[in-house]
PDB file of N, CA and C in Angstrom:
ATOM      1  N   MET A   1     -38.442 -63.432  25.930  1.00  0.00           N
ATOM      2  CA  MET A   1     -37.594 -62.360  25.460  1.00  0.00           C
ATOM      3  C   MET A   1     -37.479 -62.433  23.953  1.00  0.00           C
ATOM      4  N   VAL A   2     -37.365 -61.285  23.313  1.00  0.00           N
ATOM      5  CA  VAL A   2     -37.349 -61.227  21.860  1.00  0.00           C
ATOM      6  C   VAL A   2     -36.132 -61.928  21.290  1.00  0.00           C
ATOM      7  N   ILE A   3     -34.971 -61.742  21.914  1.00  0.00           N
ATOM      8  CA  ILE A   3     -33.746 -62.355  21.401  1.00  0.00           C
ATOM      9  C   ILE A   3     -33.847 -63.872  21.477  1.00  0.00           C
ATOM     10  N   GLU A   4     -34.376 -64.390  22.581  1.00  0.00           N
ATOM     11  CA  GLU A   4     -34.519 -65.836  22.720  1.00  0.00           C
ATOM     12  C   GLU A   4     -35.529 -66.386  21.724  1.00  0.00           C
ATOM     13  N   ALA A   5     -36.536 -65.589  21.381  1.00  0.00           N
ATOM     14  CA  ALA A   5     -37.510 -66.038  20.387  1.00  0.00           C
ATOM     15  C   ALA A   5     -36.873 -66.128  19.006  1.00  0.00           C
ATOM     16  N   LEU A   6     -35.915 -65.243  18.729  1.00  0.00           N
ATOM     17  CA  LEU A   6     -35.246 -65.283  17.442  1.00  0.00           C
ATOM     18  C   LEU A   6     -34.279 -66.459  17.335  1.00  0.00           C
ATOM     19  N   VAL A   7     -33.600 -66.777  18.435  1.00  0.00           N
ATOM     20  CA  VAL A   7     -32.606 -67.844  18.428  1.00  0.00           C
ATOM     21  C   VAL A   7     -32.882 -68.757  19.626  1.00  0.00           C
ATOM     22  N   PRO A   8     -33.842 -69.651  19.534  1.00  0.00           N
ATOM     23  CA  PRO A   8     -34.157 -70.496  20.686  1.00  0.00           C
ATOM     24  C   PRO A   8     -33.085 -71.537  20.945  1.00  0.00           C
ATOM     25  N   GLY A   9     -32.717 -71.696  22.221  1.00  0.00           N
ATOM     26  CA  GLY A   9     -31.851 -72.784  22.636  1.00  0.00           C
ATOM     27  C   GLY A   9     -30.358 -72.519  22.578  1.00  0.00           C
ATOM     28  N   ASP A  10     -29.900 -71.472  21.970  1.00  0.00           N
ATOM     29  CA  ASP A  10     -28.474 -71.212  21.876  1.00  0.00           C
ATOM     30  C   ASP A  10     -28.127 -70.031  22.782  1.00  0.00           C
ATOM     31  N   ASP A  11     -27.753 -70.338  24.033  1.00  0.00           N
ATOM     32  CA  ASP A  11     -27.515 -69.302  25.034  1.00  0.00           C
ATOM     33  C   ASP A  11     -26.302 -68.441  24.703  1.00  0.00           C
ATOM     34  N   ASP A  12     -25.248 -69.039  24.129  1.00  0.00           N
ATOM     35  CA  ASP A  12     -24.061 -68.256  23.785  1.00  0.00           C
ATOM     36  C   ASP A  12     -24.377 -67.221  22.721  1.00  0.00           C
ATOM     37  N   LEU A  13     -25.157 -67.620  21.739  1.00  0.00           N
ATOM     38  CA  LEU A  13     -25.527 -66.694  20.680  1.00  0.00           C
ATOM     39  C   LEU A  13     -26.440 -65.589  21.215  1.00  0.00           C
ATOM     40  N   VAL A  14     -27.335 -65.956  22.121  1.00  0.00           N
ATOM     41  CA  VAL A  14     -28.226 -64.966  22.737  1.00  0.00           C
ATOM     42  C   VAL A  14     -27.408 -63.940  23.509  1.00  0.00           C
ATOM     43  N   ALA A  15     -26.418 -64.403  24.281  1.00  0.00           N
ATOM     44  CA  ALA A  15     -25.572 -63.494  25.047  1.00  0.00           C
ATOM     45  C   ALA A  15     -24.765 -62.595  24.110  1.00  0.00           C
ATOM     46  N   GLU A  16     -24.276 -63.143  23.008  1.00  0.00           N
ATOM     47  CA  GLU A  16     -23.501 -62.354  22.059  1.00  0.00           C
ATOM     48  C   GLU A  16     -24.359 -61.281  21.391  1.00  0.00           C
ATOM     49  N   VAL A  17     -25.569 -61.649  21.006  1.00  0.00           N
ATOM     50  CA  VAL A  17     -26.474 -60.675  20.389  1.00  0.00           C
ATOM     51  C   VAL A  17     -26.843 -59.586  21.390  1.00  0.00           C
ATOM     52  N   ALA A  18     -27.101 -59.980  22.642  1.00  0.00           N
ATOM     53  CA  ALA A  18     -27.433 -58.993  23.671  1.00  0.00           C
ATOM     54  C   ALA A  18     -26.258 -58.045  23.906  1.00  0.00           C
ATOM     55  N   ALA A  19     -25.044 -58.575  23.923  1.00  0.00           N
ATOM     56  CA  ALA A  19     -23.867 -57.730  24.117  1.00  0.00           C
ATOM     57  C   ALA A  19     -23.691 -56.763  22.944  1.00  0.00           C
ATOM     58  N   LYS A  20     -23.930 -57.234  21.732  1.00  0.00           N
ATOM     59  CA  LYS A  20     -23.820 -56.357  20.569  1.00  0.00           C
ATOM     60  C   LYS A  20     -24.881 -55.264  20.605  1.00  0.00           C
ATOM     61  N   MET A  21     -26.102 -55.621  21.026  1.00  0.00           N
ATOM     62  CA  MET A  21     -27.154 -54.614  21.142  1.00  0.00           C
ATOM     63  C   MET A  21     -26.794 -53.577  22.194  1.00  0.00           C
ATOM     64  N   PHE A  22     -26.246 -54.019  23.313  1.00  0.00           N
ATOM     65  CA  PHE A  22     -25.834 -53.105  24.377  1.00  0.00           C
ATOM     66  C   PHE A  22     -24.780 -52.130  23.860  1.00  0.00           C
ATOM     67  N   ARG A  23     -23.765 -52.671  23.177  1.00  0.00           N
ATOM     68  CA  ARG A  23     -22.709 -51.812  22.638  1.00  0.00           C
ATOM     69  C   ARG A  23     -23.262 -50.852  21.600  1.00  0.00           C
ATOM     70  N   TYR A  24     -24.190 -51.316  20.766  1.00  0.00           N
ATOM     71  CA  TYR A  24     -24.760 -50.465  19.727  1.00  0.00           C
ATOM     72  C   TYR A  24     -25.524 -49.294  20.338  1.00  0.00           C
ATOM     73  N   ILE A  25     -26.267 -49.567  21.396  1.00  0.00           N
ATOM     74  CA  ILE A  25     -27.094 -48.526  22.003  1.00  0.00           C
ATOM     75  C   ILE A  25     -26.263 -47.581  22.844  1.00  0.00           C
ATOM     76  N   TRP A  26     -25.366 -48.106  23.682  1.00  0.00           N
ATOM     77  CA  TRP A  26     -24.710 -47.283  24.694  1.00  0.00           C
ATOM     78  C   TRP A  26     -23.335 -46.785  24.312  1.00  0.00           C
ATOM     79  N   GLN A  27     -22.655 -47.389  23.362  1.00  0.00           N
ATOM     80  CA  GLN A  27     -21.281 -47.003  23.093  1.00  0.00           C
ATOM     81  C   GLN A  27     -21.117 -46.322  21.740  1.00  0.00           C
ATOM     82  N   ARG A  28     -22.142 -45.691  21.272  1.00  0.00           N
ATOM     83  CA  ARG A  28     -22.020 -44.926  20.045  1.00  0.00           C
ATOM     84  C   ARG A  28     -21.296 -43.625  20.353  1.00  0.00           C
ATOM     85  N   PRO A  29     -20.623 -43.055  19.380  1.00  0.00           N
ATOM     86  CA  PRO A  29     -19.935 -41.791  19.637  1.00  0.00           C
ATOM     87  C   PRO A  29     -20.936 -40.695  19.954  1.00  0.00           C
ATOM     88  N   PHE A  30     -20.525 -39.817  20.863  1.00  0.00           N
ATOM     89  CA  PHE A  30     -21.400 -38.728  21.260  1.00  0.00           C
ATOM     90  C   PHE A  30     -21.445 -37.687  20.147  1.00  0.00           C
ATOM     91  N   GLY A  31     -22.629 -37.293  19.816  1.00  0.00           N
ATOM     92  CA  GLY A  31     -22.807 -36.252  18.816  1.00  0.00           C
ATOM     93  C   GLY A  31     -23.496 -35.058  19.441  1.00  0.00           C
ATOM     94  N   GLY A  32     -22.885 -34.475  20.438  1.00  0.00           N
ATOM     95  CA  GLY A  32     -23.508 -33.351  21.134  1.00  0.00           C
ATOM     96  C   GLY A  32     -24.604 -33.860  22.044  1.00  0.00           C
ATOM     97  N   LEU A  33     -25.821 -33.421  21.793  1.00  0.00           N
ATOM     98  CA  LEU A  33     -26.951 -33.819  22.623  1.00  0.00           C
ATOM     99  C   LEU A  33     -27.629 -35.086  22.116  1.00  0.00           C
ATOM    100  N   ALA A  34     -27.069 -35.711  21.094  1.00  0.00           N
ATOM    101  CA  ALA A  34     -27.712 -36.871  20.496  1.00  0.00           C
ATOM    102  C   ALA A  34     -27.823 -38.038  21.459  1.00  0.00           C
ATOM    103  N   ALA A  35     -26.864 -38.202  22.369  1.00  0.00           N
ATOM    104  CA  ALA A  35     -26.881 -39.328  23.293  1.00  0.00           C
ATOM    105  C   ALA A  35     -27.451 -38.953  24.649  1.00  0.00           C
ATOM    106  N   LEU A  36     -27.800 -37.702  24.842  1.00  0.00           N
ATOM    107  CA  LEU A  36     -28.281 -37.254  26.143  1.00  0.00           C
ATOM    108  C   LEU A  36     -29.588 -37.934  26.535  1.00  0.00           C
ATOM    109  N   TRP A  37     -30.425 -38.254  25.573  1.00  0.00           N
ATOM    110  CA  TRP A  37     -31.718 -38.856  25.886  1.00  0.00           C
ATOM    111  C   TRP A  37     -31.563 -40.195  26.583  1.00  0.00           C
ATOM    112  N   LYS A  38     -30.485 -40.917  26.308  1.00  0.00           N
ATOM    113  CA  LYS A  38     -30.281 -42.223  26.941  1.00  0.00           C
ATOM    114  C   LYS A  38     -30.113 -42.064  28.449  1.00  0.00           C
ATOM    115  N   TYR A  39     -29.301 -41.097  28.829  1.00  0.00           N
ATOM    116  CA  TYR A  39     -29.052 -40.884  30.252  1.00  0.00           C
ATOM    117  C   TYR A  39     -30.270 -40.297  30.940  1.00  0.00           C
ATOM    118  N   GLN A  40     -31.008 -39.452  30.232  1.00  0.00           N
ATOM    119  CA  GLN A  40     -32.249 -38.929  30.792  1.00  0.00           C
ATOM    120  C   GLN A  40     -33.259 -40.057  30.990  1.00  0.00           C
ATOM    121  N   LEU A  41     -33.321 -40.974  30.047  1.00  0.00           N
ATOM    122  CA  LEU A  41     -34.237 -42.099  30.141  1.00  0.00           C
ATOM    123  C   LEU A  41     -33.886 -42.991  31.326  1.00  0.00           C
ATOM    124  N   VAL A  42     -32.605 -43.330  31.463  1.00  0.00           N
ATOM    125  CA  VAL A  42     -32.167 -44.181  32.563  1.00  0.00           C
ATOM    126  C   VAL A  42     -32.399 -43.489  33.903  1.00  0.00           C
ATOM    127  N   THR A  43     -32.093 -42.195  33.975  1.00  0.00           N
ATOM    128  CA  THR A  43     -32.313 -41.450  35.216  1.00  0.00           C
ATOM    129  C   THR A  43     -33.791 -41.405  35.567  1.00  0.00           C
ATOM    130  N   GLY A  44     -34.623 -41.181  34.582  1.00  0.00           N
ATOM    131  CA  GLY A  44     -36.065 -41.174  34.831  1.00  0.00           C
ATOM    132  C   GLY A  44     -36.578 -42.513  35.322  1.00  0.00           C
ATOM    133  N   ILE A  45     -36.115 -43.588  34.705  1.00  0.00           N
ATOM    134  CA  ILE A  45     -36.533 -44.935  35.132  1.00  0.00           C
ATOM    135  C   ILE A  45     -36.084 -45.199  36.560  1.00  0.00           C
ATOM    136  N   LEU A  46     -34.833 -44.823  36.882  1.00  0.00           N
ATOM    137  CA  LEU A  46     -34.330 -45.033  38.247  1.00  0.00           C
ATOM    138  C   LEU A  46     -35.104 -44.203  39.268  1.00  0.00           C
ATOM    139  N   LEU A  47     -35.456 -42.966  38.923  1.00  0.00           N
ATOM    140  CA  LEU A  47     -36.227 -42.144  39.844  1.00  0.00           C
ATOM    141  C   LEU A  47     -37.633 -42.693  40.063  1.00  0.00           C
ATOM    142  N   VAL A  48     -38.262 -43.169  39.000  1.00  0.00           N
ATOM    143  CA  VAL A  48     -39.589 -43.779  39.150  1.00  0.00           C
ATOM    144  C   VAL A  48     -39.497 -45.043  39.995  1.00  0.00           C
ATOM    145  N   ALA A  49     -38.469 -45.868  39.759  1.00  0.00           N
ATOM    146  CA  ALA A  49     -38.286 -47.080  40.556  1.00  0.00           C
ATOM    147  C   ALA A  49     -38.036 -46.737  42.022  1.00  0.00           C
ATOM    148  N   ALA A  50     -37.219 -45.705  42.267  1.00  0.00           N
ATOM    149  CA  ALA A  50     -36.966 -45.280  43.648  1.00  0.00           C
ATOM    150  C   ALA A  50     -38.256 -44.789  44.296  1.00  0.00           C
ATOM    151  N   GLY A  51     -39.069 -44.065  43.550  1.00  0.00           N
ATOM    152  CA  GLY A  51     -40.349 -43.604  44.080  1.00  0.00           C
ATOM    153  C   GLY A  51     -41.280 -44.747  44.430  1.00  0.00           C
ATOM    154  N   VAL A  52     -41.307 -45.768  43.594  1.00  0.00           N
ATOM    155  CA  VAL A  52     -42.158 -46.932  43.876  1.00  0.00           C
ATOM    156  C   VAL A  52     -41.666 -47.664  45.119  1.00  0.00           C
ATOM    157  N   VAL A  53     -40.341 -47.812  45.235  1.00  0.00           N
ATOM    158  CA  VAL A  53     -39.786 -48.491  46.410  1.00  0.00           C
ATOM    159  C   VAL A  53     -40.077 -47.691  47.667  1.00  0.00           C
ATOM    160  N   ILE A  54     -39.940 -46.368  47.602  1.00  0.00           N
ATOM    161  CA  ILE A  54     -40.237 -45.532  48.764  1.00  0.00           C
ATOM    162  C   ILE A  54     -41.721 -45.595  49.105  1.00  0.00           C
ATOM    163  N   LEU A  55     -42.568 -45.673  48.090  1.00  0.00           N
ATOM    164  CA  LEU A  55     -44.006 -45.793  48.329  1.00  0.00           C
ATOM    165  C   LEU A  55     -44.342 -47.106  49.026  1.00  0.00           C
ATOM    166  N   LEU A  56     -43.669 -48.176  48.626  1.00  0.00           N
ATOM    167  CA  LEU A  56     -43.935 -49.488  49.221  1.00  0.00           C
ATOM    168  C   LEU A  56     -43.303 -49.639  50.603  1.00  0.00           C
ATOM    169  N   VAL A  57     -42.116 -49.037  50.791  1.00  0.00           N
ATOM    170  CA  VAL A  57     -41.400 -49.152  52.064  1.00  0.00           C
ATOM    171  C   VAL A  57     -41.031 -47.738  52.534  1.00  0.00           C
ATOM    172  N   PRO A  58     -41.910 -47.040  53.248  1.00  0.00           N
ATOM    173  CA  PRO A  58     -41.645 -45.656  53.639  1.00  0.00           C
ATOM    174  C   PRO A  58     -40.442 -45.490  54.569  1.00  0.00           C
ATOM    175  N   ALA A  59     -40.022 -46.535  55.243  1.00  0.00           N
ATOM    176  CA  ALA A  59     -38.867 -46.429  56.130  1.00  0.00           C
ATOM    177  C   ALA A  59     -37.594 -46.102  55.347  1.00  0.00           C
ATOM    178  N   ILE A  60     -37.562 -46.428  54.071  1.00  0.00           N
ATOM    179  CA  ILE A  60     -36.398 -46.116  53.244  1.00  0.00           C
ATOM    180  C   ILE A  60     -36.243 -44.603  53.109  1.00  0.00           C
ATOM    181  N   LEU A  61     -37.346 -43.877  53.006  1.00  0.00           N
ATOM    182  CA  LEU A  61     -37.284 -42.426  52.908  1.00  0.00           C
ATOM    183  C   LEU A  61     -36.650 -41.829  54.160  1.00  0.00           C
ATOM    184  N   VAL A  62     -37.015 -42.354  55.307  1.00  0.00           N
ATOM    185  CA  VAL A  62     -36.430 -41.882  56.560  1.00  0.00           C
ATOM    186  C   VAL A  62     -34.928 -42.142  56.563  1.00  0.00           C
ATOM    187  N   ALA A  63     -34.518 -43.314  56.123  1.00  0.00           N
ATOM    188  CA  ALA A  63     -33.093 -43.654  56.078  1.00  0.00           C
ATOM    189  C   ALA A  63     -32.348 -42.758  55.090  1.00  0.00           C
ATOM    190  N   LEU A  64     -32.953 -42.459  53.935  1.00  0.00           N
ATOM    191  CA  LEU A  64     -32.303 -41.594  52.954  1.00  0.00           C
ATOM    192  C   LEU A  64     -32.112 -40.180  53.489  1.00  0.00           C
ATOM    193  N   VAL A  65     -33.132 -39.643  54.129  1.00  0.00           N
ATOM    194  CA  VAL A  65     -33.019 -38.296  54.685  1.00  0.00           C
ATOM    195  C   VAL A  65     -31.962 -38.266  55.791  1.00  0.00           C
ATOM    196  N   ALA A  66     -31.965 -39.279  56.652  1.00  0.00           N
ATOM    197  CA  ALA A  66     -30.961 -39.344  57.716  1.00  0.00           C
ATOM    198  C   ALA A  66     -29.551 -39.455  57.136  1.00  0.00           C
ATOM    199  N   ALA A  67     -29.385 -40.242  56.088  1.00  0.00           N
ATOM    200  CA  ALA A  67     -28.071 -40.383  55.461  1.00  0.00           C
ATOM    201  C   ALA A  67     -27.618 -39.056  54.844  1.00  0.00           C
ATOM    202  N   LEU A  68     -28.532 -38.323  54.219  1.00  0.00           N
ATOM    203  CA  LEU A  68     -28.170 -37.027  53.641  1.00  0.00           C
ATOM    204  C   LEU A  68     -27.779 -36.021  54.713  1.00  0.00           C
ATOM    205  N   VAL A  69     -28.481 -36.018  55.837  1.00  0.00           N
ATOM    206  CA  VAL A  69     -28.143 -35.114  56.933  1.00  0.00           C
ATOM    207  C   VAL A  69     -26.769 -35.473  57.494  1.00  0.00           C
ATOM    208  N   MET A  70     -26.492 -36.755  57.664  1.00  0.00           N
ATOM    209  CA  MET A  70     -25.176 -37.168  58.167  1.00  0.00           C
ATOM    210  C   MET A  70     -24.074 -36.811  57.179  1.00  0.00           C
ATOM    211  N   LEU A  71     -24.332 -36.966  55.892  1.00  0.00           N
ATOM    212  CA  LEU A  71     -23.349 -36.608  54.872  1.00  0.00           C
ATOM    213  C   LEU A  71     -23.064 -35.107  54.889  1.00  0.00           C
ATOM    214  N   ALA A  72     -24.104 -34.298  55.027  1.00  0.00           N
ATOM    215  CA  ALA A  72     -23.911 -32.847  55.098  1.00  0.00           C
ATOM    216  C   ALA A  72     -23.108 -32.475  56.341  1.00  0.00           C
ATOM    217  N   GLY A  73     -23.402 -33.099  57.472  1.00  0.00           N
ATOM    218  CA  GLY A  73     -22.654 -32.825  58.697  1.00  0.00           C
ATOM    219  C   GLY A  73     -21.201 -33.230  58.575  1.00  0.00           C
ATOM    220  N   THR A  74     -20.956 -34.374  57.992  1.00  0.00           N
ATOM    221  CA  THR A  74     -19.582 -34.839  57.800  1.00  0.00           C
ATOM    222  C   THR A  74     -18.814 -33.897  56.865  1.00  0.00           C
ATOM    223  N   SER A  75     -19.477 -33.415  55.828  1.00  0.00           N
ATOM    224  CA  SER A  75     -18.828 -32.477  54.907  1.00  0.00           C
ATOM    225  C   SER A  75     -18.467 -31.179  55.605  1.00  0.00           C
ATOM    226  N   LEU A  76     -19.360 -30.681  56.448  1.00  0.00           N
ATOM    227  CA  LEU A  76     -19.069 -29.447  57.176  1.00  0.00           C
ATOM    228  C   LEU A  76     -17.913 -29.632  58.160  1.00  0.00           C
ATOM    229  N   ILE A  77     -17.885 -30.753  58.837  1.00  0.00           N
ATOM    230  CA  ILE A  77     -16.785 -31.034  59.768  1.00  0.00           C
ATOM    231  C   ILE A  77     -15.458 -31.112  59.020  1.00  0.00           C
ATOM    232  N   ALA A  78     -15.447 -31.819  57.888  1.00  0.00           N
ATOM    233  CA  ALA A  78     -14.217 -31.944  57.110  1.00  0.00           C
ATOM    234  C   ALA A  78     -13.754 -30.590  56.581  1.00  0.00           C
ATOM    235  N   SER A  79     -14.690 -29.763  56.138  1.00  0.00           N
ATOM    236  CA  SER A  79     -14.346 -28.440  55.645  1.00  0.00           C
ATOM    237  C   SER A  79     -13.765 -27.578  56.763  1.00  0.00           C
ATOM    238  N   ALA A  80     -14.366 -27.645  57.949  1.00  0.00           N
ATOM    239  CA  ALA A  80     -13.863 -26.859  59.080  1.00  0.00           C
ATOM    240  C   ALA A  80     -12.463 -27.310  59.483  1.00  0.00           C
ATOM    241  N   LEU A  81     -12.219 -28.612  59.511  1.00  0.00           N
ATOM    242  CA  LEU A  81     -10.893 -29.107  59.868  1.00  0.00           C
ATOM    243  C   LEU A  81      -9.845 -28.701  58.836  1.00  0.00           C
ATOM    244  N   ARG A  82     -10.225 -28.705  57.576  1.00  0.00           N
ATOM    245  CA  ARG A  82      -9.290 -28.308  56.525  1.00  0.00           C
ATOM    246  C   ARG A  82      -8.969 -26.817  56.629  1.00  0.00           C
ATOM    247  N   ALA A  83      -9.995 -25.998  56.905  1.00  0.00           N
ATOM    248  CA  ALA A  83      -9.750 -24.561  57.065  1.00  0.00           C
ATOM    249  C   ALA A  83      -8.874 -24.296  58.282  1.00  0.00           C
ATOM    250  N   ARG A  84      -9.083 -25.041  59.350  1.00  0.00           N
ATOM    251  CA  ARG A  84      -8.263 -24.881  60.557  1.00  0.00           C
ATOM    252  C   ARG A  84      -6.809 -25.246  60.265  1.00  0.00           C
ATOM    253  N   ARG A  85      -6.608 -26.343  59.554  1.00  0.00           N
ATOM    254  CA  ARG A  85      -5.254 -26.766  59.198  1.00  0.00           C
ATOM    255  C   ARG A  85      -4.585 -25.714  58.305  1.00  0.00           C
ATOM    256  N   PHE A  86      -5.345 -25.128  57.398  1.00  0.00           N
ATOM    257  CA  PHE A  86      -4.813 -24.092  56.515  1.00  0.00           C
ATOM    258  C   PHE A  86      -4.379 -22.869  57.311  1.00  0.00           C
ATOM    259  N   GLU A  87      -5.213 -22.452  58.244  1.00  0.00           N
ATOM    260  CA  GLU A  87      -4.880 -21.271  59.044  1.00  0.00           C
ATOM    261  C   GLU A  87      -3.650 -21.508  59.914  1.00  0.00           C
ATOM    262  N   ARG A  88      -3.478 -22.699  60.412  1.00  0.00           N
ATOM    263  CA  ARG A  88      -2.316 -23.012  61.249  1.00  0.00           C
ATOM    264  C   ARG A  88      -1.032 -23.099  60.437  1.00  0.00           C
ATOM    265  N   SER A  89      -1.142 -23.547  59.193  1.00  0.00           N
ATOM    266  CA  SER A  89       0.067 -23.798  58.405  1.00  0.00           C
ATOM    267  C   SER A  89       0.674 -22.526  57.829  1.00  0.00           C
ATOM    268  N   GLN A  90      -0.126 -21.507  57.578  1.00  0.00           N
ATOM    269  CA  GLN A  90       0.407 -20.284  56.989  1.00  0.00           C
ATOM    270  C   GLN A  90      -0.499 -19.114  57.328  1.00  0.00           C
ATOM    271  N   ASP A  91      -0.007 -17.957  57.049  1.00  0.00           N
ATOM    272  CA  ASP A  91      -0.782 -16.749  57.326  1.00  0.00           C
ATOM    273  C   ASP A  91      -1.906 -16.654  56.292  1.00  0.00           C
ATOM    274  N   ALA A  92      -3.127 -16.780  56.739  1.00  0.00           N
ATOM    275  CA  ALA A  92      -4.263 -16.814  55.835  1.00  0.00           C
ATOM    276  C   ALA A  92      -4.518 -15.474  55.163  1.00  0.00           C
ATOM    277  N   SER A  93      -4.038 -14.377  55.733  1.00  0.00           N
ATOM    278  CA  SER A  93      -4.297 -13.074  55.134  1.00  0.00           C
ATOM    279  C   SER A  93      -3.428 -12.802  53.915  1.00  0.00           C
ATOM    280  N   GLN A  94      -2.334 -13.541  53.730  1.00  0.00           N
ATOM    281  CA  GLN A  94      -1.425 -13.277  52.627  1.00  0.00           C
ATOM    282  C   GLN A  94      -1.531 -14.267  51.481  1.00  0.00           C
ATOM    283  N   SER A  95      -2.400 -15.218  51.560  1.00  0.00           N
ATOM    284  CA  SER A  95      -2.499 -16.195  50.480  1.00  0.00           C
ATOM    285  C   SER A  95      -3.956 -16.341  50.038  1.00  0.00           C
ATOM    286  N   ASP A  96      -4.126 -16.978  48.932  1.00  0.00           N
ATOM    287  CA  ASP A  96      -5.460 -17.181  48.367  1.00  0.00           C
ATOM    288  C   ASP A  96      -6.168 -18.306  49.140  1.00  0.00           C
ATOM    289  N   PRO A  97      -7.328 -18.049  49.700  1.00  0.00           N
ATOM    290  CA  PRO A  97      -8.005 -19.098  50.476  1.00  0.00           C
ATOM    291  C   PRO A  97      -8.516 -20.265  49.628  1.00  0.00           C
ATOM    292  N   LEU A  98      -8.567 -20.102  48.312  1.00  0.00           N
ATOM    293  CA  LEU A  98      -9.019 -21.196  47.457  1.00  0.00           C
ATOM    294  C   LEU A  98      -7.910 -22.196  47.169  1.00  0.00           C
ATOM    295  N   GLN A  99      -6.671 -21.811  47.391  1.00  0.00           N
ATOM    296  CA  GLN A  99      -5.553 -22.716  47.169  1.00  0.00           C
ATOM    297  C   GLN A  99      -5.073 -23.263  48.518  1.00  0.00           C
ATOM    298  N   TRP A 100      -5.748 -24.301  48.958  1.00  0.00           N
ATOM    299  CA  TRP A 100      -5.476 -24.873  50.285  1.00  0.00           C
ATOM    300  C   TRP A 100      -4.484 -26.018  50.230  1.00  0.00           C
ATOM    301  N   TRP A 101      -4.007 -26.372  49.090  1.00  0.00           N
ATOM    302  CA  TRP A 101      -3.087 -27.489  49.023  1.00  0.00           C
ATOM    303  C   TRP A 101      -1.761 -27.050  48.450  1.00  0.00           C
TER     304      TRP A 101
END
């Protein structure tokens, strides 16, 4: 590692330099779109890594699709129960359906 090459043998100093580099890169003030590239870069790296893992272990893709289908079903069930509770609690024709709470 480059940091260890600069300061060999001093682990505390290496950790401190790494922490300062992390703060310098990630905790700078946002200047509009100036920091957007960092998140795009991280997202791209994560998507490529996920693609490689799915390529190596195709069963993960099946699990991801199944999890998304279950999540969609759970969301629909929760939405239906909330709408049912709303209709029972008050006259739905006289109030705004977007204000359910």
